[in-house]
Amino acid sequence: MRFADRYLAAGGTLAEDGTAHLYWRLLDALGFAPDAEKVAVPWRELGRVDLTPSVLTRRLEGYIEALFDRYA
């Protein structure tokens, strides 16, 4: 969630319309639904056994909730 803030702080510009941010970030997040298992496989191969399906589901749901809190 801090990427956009850091981008702006570094001199970048973003569209002022919050709904545009919500749309594109939500679209990106839903690409990992119903779970983010495809993201976890490479991390598990590097030893991140803590990235269980339930952890990934909670993180994905938390991210989507944060998007609505910030942009909706």
Protein backbone atom coordinates (compact mmCIF):
# COMPACT_ATOMS: atom_id res chain seq x y z
CA MET A 1 0.00 0.00 0.00
CA ARG A 2 2.94 2.35 0.50
CA PHE A 3 4.30 1.99 -3.03
CA ALA A 4 2.21 4.85 -4.43
CA ASP A 5 3.16 7.10 -1.50
CA ARG A 6 6.84 6.40 -2.00
CA TYR A 7 6.51 6.90 -5.75
CA LEU A 8 4.96 10.33 -5.18
CA ALA A 9 7.60 11.22 -2.59
CA ALA A 10 10.29 10.40 -5.16
CA GLY A 11 8.75 12.86 -7.62
CA GLY A 12 6.39 10.59 -9.55
CA THR A 13 2.87 11.57 -10.53
CA LEU A 14 -0.35 9.60 -10.34
CA ALA A 15 -3.88 10.16 -11.52
CA GLU A 16 -5.82 12.16 -8.96
CA ASP A 17 -8.92 9.97 -9.34
CA GLY A 18 -8.96 7.48 -6.46
CA THR A 19 -11.38 5.23 -8.31
CA ALA A 20 -8.75 4.66 -11.00
CA HIS A 21 -6.29 3.50 -8.36
CA LEU A 22 -8.92 1.25 -6.81
CA TYR A 23 -9.85 -0.26 -10.17
CA TRP A 24 -6.33 -1.15 -11.28
CA ARG A 25 -5.11 -2.35 -7.88
CA LEU A 26 -8.25 -4.42 -7.35
CA LEU A 27 -7.93 -5.91 -10.82
CA ASP A 28 -4.32 -6.84 -10.05
CA ALA A 29 -5.22 -8.35 -6.66
CA LEU A 30 -8.08 -10.41 -8.07
CA GLY A 31 -5.65 -11.97 -10.51
CA PHE A 32 -4.41 -13.95 -7.49
CA ALA A 33 -7.88 -15.04 -6.32
CA PRO A 34 -9.13 -17.31 -4.93
CA ASP A 35 -5.72 -17.61 -3.30
CA ALA A 36 -2.20 -16.44 -3.93
CA GLU A 37 -0.70 -19.92 -4.15
CA LYS A 38 1.04 -19.20 -7.45
CA VAL A 39 3.00 -16.43 -5.73
CA ALA A 40 3.97 -18.61 -2.78
CA VAL A 41 5.58 -21.48 -4.68
CA PRO A 42 8.86 -19.68 -5.52
CA TRP A 43 9.07 -18.29 -1.97
CA ARG A 44 8.54 -21.74 -0.48
CA GLU A 45 11.30 -23.10 -2.69
CA LEU A 46 13.54 -20.50 -1.04
CA GLY A 47 12.52 -21.69 2.42
CA ARG A 48 9.46 -19.57 3.28
CA VAL A 49 7.37 -22.44 4.64
CA ASP A 50 5.33 -19.93 6.66
CA LEU A 51 3.42 -18.91 3.53
CA THR A 52 0.57 -21.37 3.97
CA PRO A 53 -2.66 -21.15 1.97
CA SER A 54 -4.49 -19.67 4.98
CA VAL A 55 -1.80 -17.00 5.48
CA LEU A 56 -1.93 -16.09 1.80
CA THR A 57 -5.72 -15.89 1.85
CA ARG A 58 -5.67 -13.60 4.90
CA ARG A 59 -3.05 -11.35 3.30
CA LEU A 60 -4.95 -11.12 0.03
CA GLU A 61 -8.20 -10.34 1.84
CA GLY A 62 -6.42 -7.77 4.01
CA TYR A 63 -4.91 -6.10 0.96
CA ILE A 64 -8.29 -5.88 -0.77
CA GLU A 65 -9.85 -4.46 2.39
CA ALA A 66 -7.05 -1.87 2.61
CA LEU A 67 -7.72 -0.87 -1.01
CA PHE A 68 -11.37 -0.15 -0.25
CA ASP A 69 -10.46 1.70 2.95
CA ARG A 70 -8.07 3.94 1.08
CA TYR A 71 -9.71 4.49 -2.31
CA ALA A 72 -13.45 3.91 -1.93
